[in-house]
Amino acid sequence: QMNSLEFEDTAVYHCAATPLPTYSADRYNYWGQGT
């Protein structure tokens, strides 16, 4: 849920999954197509 959206929020948003929590994008194993 995204509220108070700002211009800087403009992007392709991807859902992703990984076995352990991480902030690093390259550690995610599975990705959606993006929206």
PDB file of all heavy atoms in Angstrom:
ATOM      1  N   GLN A   1       0.853  -1.178   0.000  1.00  0.00           N
ATOM      2  CA  GLN A   1       0.000   0.000   0.000  1.00  0.00           C
ATOM      3  C   GLN A   1       0.888   1.227   0.000  1.00  0.00           C
ATOM      4  O   GLN A   1       1.690   1.415   0.916  1.00  0.00           O
ATOM      5  CB  GLN A   1      -0.918   0.007   1.223  1.00  0.00           C
ATOM      6  CG  GLN A   1      -1.824   1.229   1.320  1.00  0.00           C
ATOM      7  CD  GLN A   1      -2.845   1.283   0.214  1.00  0.00           C
ATOM      8  OE1 GLN A   1      -3.512   0.294  -0.068  1.00  0.00           O
ATOM      9  NE2 GLN A   1      -2.964   2.433  -0.429  1.00  0.00           N
ATOM     10  N   MET A   2       0.754   2.057  -1.013  1.00  0.00           N
ATOM     11  CA  MET A   2       1.594   3.226  -1.173  1.00  0.00           C
ATOM     12  C   MET A   2       0.736   4.473  -1.038  1.00  0.00           C
ATOM     13  O   MET A   2      -0.176   4.695  -1.840  1.00  0.00           O
ATOM     14  CB  MET A   2       2.299   3.205  -2.530  1.00  0.00           C
ATOM     15  CG  MET A   2       3.114   1.944  -2.777  1.00  0.00           C
ATOM     16  SD  MET A   2       4.025   1.990  -4.345  1.00  0.00           S
ATOM     17  CE  MET A   2       2.644   1.942  -5.500  1.00  0.00           C
ATOM     18  N   ASN A   3       1.025   5.258  -0.032  1.00  0.00           N
ATOM     19  CA  ASN A   3       0.318   6.507   0.209  1.00  0.00           C
ATOM     20  C   ASN A   3       1.280   7.678   0.086  1.00  0.00           C
ATOM     21  O   ASN A   3       2.491   7.515   0.140  1.00  0.00           O
ATOM     22  CB  ASN A   3      -0.320   6.505   1.599  1.00  0.00           C
ATOM     23  CG  ASN A   3      -1.354   5.428   1.776  1.00  0.00           C
ATOM     24  OD1 ASN A   3      -2.073   5.077   0.847  1.00  0.00           O
ATOM     25  ND2 ASN A   3      -1.456   4.894   2.994  1.00  0.00           N
ATOM     26  N   SER A   4       0.716   8.861  -0.060  1.00  0.00           N
ATOM     27  CA  SER A   4       1.516  10.085  -0.180  1.00  0.00           C
ATOM     28  C   SER A   4       2.617   9.921  -1.212  1.00  0.00           C
ATOM     29  O   SER A   4       3.787  10.248  -0.969  1.00  0.00           O
ATOM     30  CB  SER A   4       2.103  10.461   1.182  1.00  0.00           C
ATOM     31  OG  SER A   4       1.087  10.674   2.142  1.00  0.00           O
ATOM     32  N   LEU A   5       2.244   9.421  -2.362  1.00  0.00           N
ATOM     33  CA  LEU A   5       3.231   9.148  -3.404  1.00  0.00           C
ATOM     34  C   LEU A   5       3.916  10.425  -3.878  1.00  0.00           C
ATOM     35  O   LEU A   5       3.285  11.484  -3.970  1.00  0.00           O
ATOM     36  CB  LEU A   5       2.568   8.438  -4.575  1.00  0.00           C
ATOM     37  CG  LEU A   5       2.304   6.949  -4.340  1.00  0.00           C
ATOM     38  CD1 LEU A   5       1.282   6.420  -5.339  1.00  0.00           C
ATOM     39  CD2 LEU A   5       3.608   6.162  -4.447  1.00  0.00           C
ATOM     40  N   GLU A   6       5.183  10.292  -4.172  1.00  0.00           N
ATOM     41  CA  GLU A   6       6.005  11.388  -4.639  1.00  0.00           C
ATOM     42  C   GLU A   6       6.536  11.074  -6.026  1.00  0.00           C
ATOM     43  O   GLU A   6       6.593   9.912  -6.429  1.00  0.00           O
ATOM     44  CB  GLU A   6       7.175  11.625  -3.675  1.00  0.00           C
ATOM     45  CG  GLU A   6       6.744  11.873  -2.242  1.00  0.00           C
ATOM     46  CD  GLU A   6       7.890  11.807  -1.257  1.00  0.00           C
ATOM     47  OE1 GLU A   6       9.019  11.456  -1.670  1.00  0.00           O
ATOM     48  OE2 GLU A   6       7.657  12.111  -0.072  1.00  0.00           O
ATOM     49  N   PHE A   7       6.934  12.116  -6.747  1.00  0.00           N
ATOM     50  CA  PHE A   7       7.480  11.916  -8.074  1.00  0.00           C
ATOM     51  C   PHE A   7       8.655  10.946  -8.047  1.00  0.00           C
ATOM     52  O   PHE A   7       8.829  10.139  -8.973  1.00  0.00           O
ATOM     53  CB  PHE A   7       7.923  13.253  -8.677  1.00  0.00           C
ATOM     54  CG  PHE A   7       8.595  13.119 -10.008  1.00  0.00           C
ATOM     55  CD1 PHE A   7       7.854  12.894 -11.152  1.00  0.00           C
ATOM     56  CD2 PHE A   7       9.976  13.219 -10.120  1.00  0.00           C
ATOM     57  CE1 PHE A   7       8.468  12.766 -12.382  1.00  0.00           C
ATOM     58  CE2 PHE A   7      10.605  13.095 -11.343  1.00  0.00           C
ATOM     59  CZ  PHE A   7       9.848  12.865 -12.479  1.00  0.00           C
ATOM     60  N   GLU A   8       9.443  11.008  -6.993  1.00  0.00           N
ATOM     61  CA  GLU A   8      10.618  10.159  -6.862  1.00  0.00           C
ATOM     62  C   GLU A   8      10.282   8.689  -6.672  1.00  0.00           C
ATOM     63  O   GLU A   8      11.170   7.840  -6.746  1.00  0.00           O
ATOM     64  CB  GLU A   8      11.496  10.648  -5.700  1.00  0.00           C
ATOM     65  CG  GLU A   8      12.157  12.000  -5.937  1.00  0.00           C
ATOM     66  CD  GLU A   8      11.195  13.172  -5.803  1.00  0.00           C
ATOM     67  OE1 GLU A   8      10.100  12.997  -5.219  1.00  0.00           O
ATOM     68  OE2 GLU A   8      11.534  14.269  -6.283  1.00  0.00           O
ATOM     69  N   ASP A   9       9.017   8.374  -6.424  1.00  0.00           N
ATOM     70  CA  ASP A   9       8.596   6.986  -6.315  1.00  0.00           C
ATOM     71  C   ASP A   9       8.386   6.330  -7.678  1.00  0.00           C
ATOM     72  O   ASP A   9       8.148   5.125  -7.758  1.00  0.00           O
ATOM     73  CB  ASP A   9       7.303   6.871  -5.506  1.00  0.00           C
ATOM     74  CG  ASP A   9       7.484   7.296  -4.063  1.00  0.00           C
ATOM     75  OD1 ASP A   9       8.505   6.914  -3.451  1.00  0.00           O
ATOM     76  OD2 ASP A   9       6.597   8.015  -3.544  1.00  0.00           O
ATOM     77  N   THR A  10       8.439   7.100  -8.728  1.00  0.00           N
ATOM     78  CA  THR A  10       8.248   6.569 -10.071  1.00  0.00           C
ATOM     79  C   THR A  10       9.308   5.520 -10.385  1.00  0.00           C
ATOM     80  O   THR A  10      10.507   5.787 -10.293  1.00  0.00           O
ATOM     81  CB  THR A  10       8.307   7.696 -11.110  1.00  0.00           C
ATOM     82  OG1 THR A  10       7.223   8.606 -10.889  1.00  0.00           O
ATOM     83  CG2 THR A  10       8.206   7.132 -12.518  1.00  0.00           C
ATOM     84  N   ALA A  11       8.861   4.323 -10.740  1.00  0.00           N
ATOM     85  CA  ALA A  11       9.775   3.219 -11.011  1.00  0.00           C
ATOM     86  C   ALA A  11       8.974   2.003 -11.445  1.00  0.00           C
ATOM     87  O   ALA A  11       7.746   1.978 -11.336  1.00  0.00           O
ATOM     88  CB  ALA A  11      10.598   2.881  -9.766  1.00  0.00           C
ATOM     89  N   VAL A  12       9.690   1.001 -11.922  1.00  0.00           N
ATOM     90  CA  VAL A  12       9.101  -0.315 -12.095  1.00  0.00           C
ATOM     91  C   VAL A  12       9.250  -1.046 -10.771  1.00  0.00           C
ATOM     92  O   VAL A  12      10.358  -1.176 -10.248  1.00  0.00           O
ATOM     93  CB  VAL A  12       9.774  -1.107 -13.230  1.00  0.00           C
ATOM     94  CG1 VAL A  12       9.196  -2.520 -13.308  1.00  0.00           C
ATOM     95  CG2 VAL A  12       9.582  -0.393 -14.562  1.00  0.00           C
ATOM     96  N   TYR A  13       8.151  -1.514 -10.246  1.00  0.00           N
ATOM     97  CA  TYR A  13       8.156  -2.212  -8.968  1.00  0.00           C
ATOM     98  C   TYR A  13       8.081  -3.707  -9.201  1.00  0.00           C
ATOM     99  O   TYR A  13       7.202  -4.192  -9.920  1.00  0.00           O
ATOM    100  CB  TYR A  13       6.984  -1.749  -8.105  1.00  0.00           C
ATOM    101  CG  TYR A  13       7.191  -0.388  -7.493  1.00  0.00           C
ATOM    102  CD1 TYR A  13       7.178   0.753  -8.281  1.00  0.00           C
ATOM    103  CD2 TYR A  13       7.416  -0.250  -6.124  1.00  0.00           C
ATOM    104  CE1 TYR A  13       7.391   2.003  -7.729  1.00  0.00           C
ATOM    105  CE2 TYR A  13       7.623   0.995  -5.562  1.00  0.00           C
ATOM    106  CZ  TYR A  13       7.614   2.120  -6.359  1.00  0.00           C
ATOM    107  OH  TYR A  13       7.812   3.365  -5.799  1.00  0.00           O
ATOM    108  N   HIS A  14       9.012  -4.429  -8.586  1.00  0.00           N
ATOM    109  CA  HIS A  14       9.082  -5.877  -8.722  1.00  0.00           C
ATOM    110  C   HIS A  14       8.815  -6.544  -7.386  1.00  0.00           C
ATOM    111  O   HIS A  14       9.311  -6.104  -6.351  1.00  0.00           O
ATOM    112  CB  HIS A  14      10.462  -6.322  -9.201  1.00  0.00           C
ATOM    113  CG  HIS A  14      10.810  -5.884 -10.585  1.00  0.00           C
ATOM    114  ND1 HIS A  14      10.566  -6.682 -11.683  1.00  0.00           N
ATOM    115  CD2 HIS A  14      11.377  -4.747 -11.047  1.00  0.00           C
ATOM    116  CE1 HIS A  14      10.979  -6.047 -12.771  1.00  0.00           C
ATOM    117  NE2 HIS A  14      11.470  -4.885 -12.411  1.00  0.00           N
ATOM    118  N   CYS A  15       8.062  -7.610  -7.420  1.00  0.00           N
ATOM    119  CA  CYS A  15       7.953  -8.513  -6.297  1.00  0.00           C
ATOM    120  C   CYS A  15       9.086  -9.523  -6.399  1.00  0.00           C
ATOM    121  O   CYS A  15       9.427  -9.979  -7.496  1.00  0.00           O
ATOM    122  CB  CYS A  15       6.595  -9.212  -6.326  1.00  0.00           C
ATOM    123  SG  CYS A  15       6.276 -10.303  -4.926  1.00  0.00           S
ATOM    124  N   ALA A  16       9.690  -9.868  -5.264  1.00  0.00           N
ATOM    125  CA  ALA A  16      10.816 -10.790  -5.268  1.00  0.00           C
ATOM    126  C   ALA A  16      10.818 -11.636  -4.006  1.00  0.00           C
ATOM    127  O   ALA A  16      10.190 -11.279  -3.002  1.00  0.00           O
ATOM    128  CB  ALA A  16      12.131 -10.023  -5.389  1.00  0.00           C
ATOM    129  N   ALA A  17      11.533 -12.749  -4.063  1.00  0.00           N
ATOM    130  CA  ALA A  17      11.590 -13.664  -2.927  1.00  0.00           C
ATOM    131  C   ALA A  17      12.996 -14.211  -2.749  1.00  0.00           C
ATOM    132  O   ALA A  17      13.728 -14.415  -3.718  1.00  0.00           O
ATOM    133  CB  ALA A  17      10.599 -14.815  -3.118  1.00  0.00           C
ATOM    134  N   THR A  18      13.352 -14.457  -1.491  1.00  0.00           N
ATOM    135  CA  THR A  18      14.652 -15.015  -1.142  1.00  0.00           C
ATOM    136  C   THR A  18      14.508 -15.803   0.155  1.00  0.00           C
ATOM    137  O   THR A  18      13.628 -15.508   0.962  1.00  0.00           O
ATOM    138  CB  THR A  18      15.700 -13.893  -0.992  1.00  0.00           C
ATOM    139  OG1 THR A  18      16.995 -14.457  -0.797  1.00  0.00           O
ATOM    140  CG2 THR A  18      15.366 -12.981   0.179  1.00  0.00           C
ATOM    141  N   PRO A  19      15.347 -16.801   0.384  1.00  0.00           N
ATOM    142  CA  PRO A  19      15.207 -17.592   1.619  1.00  0.00           C
ATOM    143  C   PRO A  19      15.406 -16.798   2.906  1.00  0.00           C
ATOM    144  O   PRO A  19      14.768 -17.095   3.912  1.00  0.00           O
ATOM    145  CB  PRO A  19      16.289 -18.660   1.467  1.00  0.00           C
ATOM    146  CG  PRO A  19      16.470 -18.804  -0.008  1.00  0.00           C
ATOM    147  CD  PRO A  19      16.321 -17.414  -0.539  1.00  0.00           C
ATOM    148  N   LEU A  20      16.294 -15.788   2.882  1.00  0.00           N
ATOM    149  CA  LEU A  20      16.594 -15.007   4.070  1.00  0.00           C
ATOM    150  C   LEU A  20      16.439 -13.525   3.796  1.00  0.00           C
ATOM    151  O   LEU A  20      16.687 -13.067   2.676  1.00  0.00           O
ATOM    152  CB  LEU A  20      18.017 -15.288   4.551  1.00  0.00           C
ATOM    153  CG  LEU A  20      18.319 -16.716   5.016  1.00  0.00           C
ATOM    154  CD1 LEU A  20      19.810 -16.866   5.286  1.00  0.00           C
ATOM    155  CD2 LEU A  20      17.519 -17.053   6.259  1.00  0.00           C
ATOM    156  N   PRO A  21      16.040 -12.737   4.805  1.00  0.00           N
ATOM    157  CA  PRO A  21      15.879 -11.296   4.594  1.00  0.00           C
ATOM    158  C   PRO A  21      17.165 -10.634   4.129  1.00  0.00           C
ATOM    159  O   PRO A  21      18.255 -10.921   4.635  1.00  0.00           O
ATOM    160  CB  PRO A  21      15.476 -10.789   5.981  1.00  0.00           C
ATOM    161  CG  PRO A  21      14.881 -11.975   6.669  1.00  0.00           C
ATOM    162  CD  PRO A  21      15.687 -13.144   6.174  1.00  0.00           C
ATOM    163  N   THR A  22      17.037  -9.737   3.170  1.00  0.00           N
ATOM    164  CA  THR A  22      18.179  -9.003   2.665  1.00  0.00           C
ATOM    165  C   THR A  22      17.714  -7.738   1.963  1.00  0.00           C
ATOM    166  O   THR A  22      16.629  -7.699   1.389  1.00  0.00           O
ATOM    167  CB  THR A  22      19.010  -9.861   1.693  1.00  0.00           C
ATOM    168  OG1 THR A  22      20.119  -9.101   1.208  1.00  0.00           O
ATOM    169  CG2 THR A  22      18.166 -10.323   0.512  1.00  0.00           C
ATOM    170  N   TYR A  23      18.557  -6.705   2.020  1.00  0.00           N
ATOM    171  CA  TYR A  23      18.302  -5.480   1.280  1.00  0.00           C
ATOM    172  C   TYR A  23      18.965  -5.494  -0.093  1.00  0.00           C
ATOM    173  O   TYR A  23      18.737  -4.596  -0.900  1.00  0.00           O
ATOM    174  CB  TYR A  23      18.813  -4.264   2.060  1.00  0.00           C
ATOM    175  CG  TYR A  23      18.065  -3.963   3.336  1.00  0.00           C
ATOM    176  CD1 TYR A  23      18.753  -3.571   4.478  1.00  0.00           C
ATOM    177  CD2 TYR A  23      16.685  -4.055   3.402  1.00  0.00           C
ATOM    178  CE1 TYR A  23      18.080  -3.293   5.654  1.00  0.00           C
ATOM    179  CE2 TYR A  23      16.001  -3.779   4.568  1.00  0.00           C
ATOM    180  CZ  TYR A  23      16.704  -3.392   5.695  1.00  0.00           C
ATOM    181  OH  TYR A  23      16.018  -3.105   6.854  1.00  0.00           O
ATOM    182  N   SER A  24      19.779  -6.497  -0.359  1.00  0.00           N
ATOM    183  CA  SER A  24      20.558  -6.563  -1.584  1.00  0.00           C
ATOM    184  C   SER A  24      19.757  -7.205  -2.703  1.00  0.00           C
ATOM    185  O   SER A  24      19.354  -8.367  -2.608  1.00  0.00           O
ATOM    186  CB  SER A  24      21.854  -7.331  -1.365  1.00  0.00           C
ATOM    187  OG  SER A  24      22.658  -6.713  -0.384  1.00  0.00           O
ATOM    188  N   ALA A  25      19.561  -6.458  -3.778  1.00  0.00           N
ATOM    189  CA  ALA A  25      18.751  -6.947  -4.884  1.00  0.00           C
ATOM    190  C   ALA A  25      19.337  -8.202  -5.520  1.00  0.00           C
ATOM    191  O   ALA A  25      18.593  -9.050  -6.009  1.00  0.00           O
ATOM    192  CB  ALA A  25      18.590  -5.849  -5.936  1.00  0.00           C
ATOM    193  N   ASP A  26      20.651  -8.330  -5.519  1.00  0.00           N
ATOM    194  CA  ASP A  26      21.279  -9.470  -6.171  1.00  0.00           C
ATOM    195  C   ASP A  26      21.188 -10.752  -5.365  1.00  0.00           C
ATOM    196  O   ASP A  26      21.646 -11.803  -5.833  1.00  0.00           O
ATOM    197  CB  ASP A  26      22.733  -9.171  -6.521  1.00  0.00           C
ATOM    198  CG  ASP A  26      23.590  -8.846  -5.316  1.00  0.00           C
ATOM    199  OD1 ASP A  26      23.065  -8.841  -4.187  1.00  0.00           O
ATOM    200  OD2 ASP A  26      24.791  -8.579  -5.507  1.00  0.00           O
ATOM    201  N   ARG A  27      20.595 -10.710  -4.194  1.00  0.00           N
ATOM    202  CA  ARG A  27      20.434 -11.902  -3.370  1.00  0.00           C
ATOM    203  C   ARG A  27      19.054 -12.539  -3.536  1.00  0.00           C
ATOM    204  O   ARG A  27      18.796 -13.589  -2.955  1.00  0.00           O
ATOM    205  CB  ARG A  27      20.655 -11.580  -1.898  1.00  0.00           C
ATOM    206  CG  ARG A  27      22.046 -11.037  -1.570  1.00  0.00           C
ATOM    207  CD  ARG A  27      23.133 -12.079  -1.853  1.00  0.00           C
ATOM    208  NE  ARG A  27      22.976 -13.267  -1.024  1.00  0.00           N
ATOM    209  CZ  ARG A  27      23.519 -13.427   0.166  1.00  0.00           C
ATOM    210  NH1 ARG A  27      24.293 -12.468   0.672  1.00  0.00           N
ATOM    211  NH2 ARG A  27      23.321 -14.535   0.851  1.00  0.00           N
ATOM    212  N   TYR A  28      18.192 -11.933  -4.311  1.00  0.00           N
ATOM    213  CA  TYR A  28      16.852 -12.474  -4.488  1.00  0.00           C
ATOM    214  C   TYR A  28      16.841 -13.531  -5.577  1.00  0.00           C
ATOM    215  O   TYR A  28      17.419 -13.355  -6.648  1.00  0.00           O
ATOM    216  CB  TYR A  28      15.850 -11.362  -4.793  1.00  0.00           C
ATOM    217  CG  TYR A  28      15.507 -10.574  -3.558  1.00  0.00           C
ATOM    218  CD1 TYR A  28      16.343  -9.559  -3.102  1.00  0.00           C
ATOM    219  CD2 TYR A  28      14.365 -10.873  -2.825  1.00  0.00           C
ATOM    220  CE1 TYR A  28      16.054  -8.866  -1.939  1.00  0.00           C
ATOM    221  CE2 TYR A  28      14.064 -10.176  -1.670  1.00  0.00           C
ATOM    222  CZ  TYR A  28      14.911  -9.178  -1.229  1.00  0.00           C
ATOM    223  OH  TYR A  28      14.612  -8.495  -0.077  1.00  0.00           O
ATOM    224  N   ASN A  29      16.165 -14.627  -5.303  1.00  0.00           N
ATOM    225  CA  ASN A  29      16.155 -15.780  -6.189  1.00  0.00           C
ATOM    226  C   ASN A  29      15.055 -15.727  -7.242  1.00  0.00           C
ATOM    227  O   ASN A  29      15.234 -16.230  -8.356  1.00  0.00           O
ATOM    228  CB  ASN A  29      15.987 -17.064  -5.377  1.00  0.00           C
ATOM    229  CG  ASN A  29      17.049 -17.233  -4.313  1.00  0.00           C
ATOM    230  OD1 ASN A  29      16.855 -16.834  -3.166  1.00  0.00           O
ATOM    231  ND2 ASN A  29      18.165 -17.831  -4.694  1.00  0.00           N
ATOM    232  N   TYR A  30      13.928 -15.160  -6.882  1.00  0.00           N
ATOM    233  CA  TYR A  30      12.769 -15.164  -7.757  1.00  0.00           C
ATOM    234  C   TYR A  30      12.231 -13.760  -7.917  1.00  0.00           C
ATOM    235  O   TYR A  30      12.206 -12.976  -6.969  1.00  0.00           O
ATOM    236  CB  TYR A  30      11.683 -16.092  -7.205  1.00  0.00           C
ATOM    237  CG  TYR A  30      12.162 -17.503  -6.988  1.00  0.00           C
ATOM    238  CD1 TYR A  30      12.527 -17.945  -5.730  1.00  0.00           C
ATOM    239  CD2 TYR A  30      12.259 -18.391  -8.058  1.00  0.00           C
ATOM    240  CE1 TYR A  30      12.975 -19.235  -5.530  1.00  0.00           C
ATOM    241  CE2 TYR A  30      12.717 -19.682  -7.865  1.00  0.00           C
ATOM    242  CZ  TYR A  30      13.077 -20.105  -6.595  1.00  0.00           C
ATOM    243  OH  TYR A  30      13.527 -21.392  -6.407  1.00  0.00           O
ATOM    244  N   TRP A  31      11.759 -13.466  -9.120  1.00  0.00           N
ATOM    245  CA  TRP A  31      11.277 -12.139  -9.469  1.00  0.00           C
ATOM    246  C   TRP A  31       9.990 -12.210 -10.266  1.00  0.00           C
ATOM    247  O   TRP A  31       9.822 -13.099 -11.111  1.00  0.00           O
ATOM    248  CB  TRP A  31      12.316 -11.392 -10.309  1.00  0.00           C
ATOM    249  CG  TRP A  31      13.587 -11.097  -9.592  1.00  0.00           C
ATOM    250  CD1 TRP A  31      14.660 -11.914  -9.442  1.00  0.00           C
ATOM    251  CD2 TRP A  31      13.904  -9.871  -8.920  1.00  0.00           C
ATOM    252  NE1 TRP A  31      15.644 -11.279  -8.719  1.00  0.00           N
ATOM    253  CE2 TRP A  31      15.209 -10.035  -8.393  1.00  0.00           C
ATOM    254  CE3 TRP A  31      13.233  -8.666  -8.728  1.00  0.00           C
ATOM    255  CZ2 TRP A  31      15.845  -9.013  -7.669  1.00  0.00           C
ATOM    256  CZ3 TRP A  31      13.859  -7.666  -8.020  1.00  0.00           C
ATOM    257  CH2 TRP A  31      15.151  -7.849  -7.503  1.00  0.00           C
ATOM    258  N   GLY A  32       9.108 -11.267 -10.001  1.00  0.00           N
ATOM    259  CA  GLY A  32       7.958 -11.079 -10.859  1.00  0.00           C
ATOM    260  C   GLY A  32       8.338 -10.252 -12.065  1.00  0.00           C
ATOM    261  O   GLY A  32       9.482  -9.798 -12.205  1.00  0.00           O
ATOM    262  N   GLN A  33       7.385 -10.041 -12.943  1.00  0.00           N
ATOM    263  CA  GLN A  33       7.668  -9.345 -14.205  1.00  0.00           C
ATOM    264  C   GLN A  33       7.772  -7.836 -14.045  1.00  0.00           C
ATOM    265  O   GLN A  33       8.315  -7.164 -14.930  1.00  0.00           O
ATOM    266  CB  GLN A  33       6.589  -9.681 -15.243  1.00  0.00           C
ATOM    267  CG  GLN A  33       5.310  -8.864 -15.162  1.00  0.00           C
ATOM    268  CD  GLN A  33       4.406  -9.247 -14.006  1.00  0.00           C
ATOM    269  OE1 GLN A  33       4.671 -10.200 -13.282  1.00  0.00           O
ATOM    270  NE2 GLN A  33       3.327  -8.493 -13.820  1.00  0.00           N
ATOM    271  N   GLY A  34       7.273  -7.311 -12.960  1.00  0.00           N
ATOM    272  CA  GLY A  34       7.314  -5.886 -12.710  1.00  0.00           C
ATOM    273  C   GLY A  34       6.035  -5.179 -13.103  1.00  0.00           C
ATOM    274  O   GLY A  34       5.345  -5.575 -14.032  1.00  0.00           O
ATOM    275  N   THR A  35       5.720  -4.116 -12.378  1.00  0.00           N
ATOM    276  CA  THR A  35       4.572  -3.287 -12.695  1.00  0.00           C
ATOM    277  C   THR A  35       4.984  -1.824 -12.574  1.00  0.00           C
ATOM    278  O   THR A  35       5.657  -1.431 -11.624  1.00  0.00           O
ATOM    279  CB  THR A  35       3.371  -3.622 -11.780  1.00  0.00           C
ATOM    280  OG1 THR A  35       2.223  -2.882 -12.196  1.00  0.00           O
ATOM    281  CG2 THR A  35       3.668  -3.323 -10.320  1.00  0.00           C
TER     282      THR A  35
END
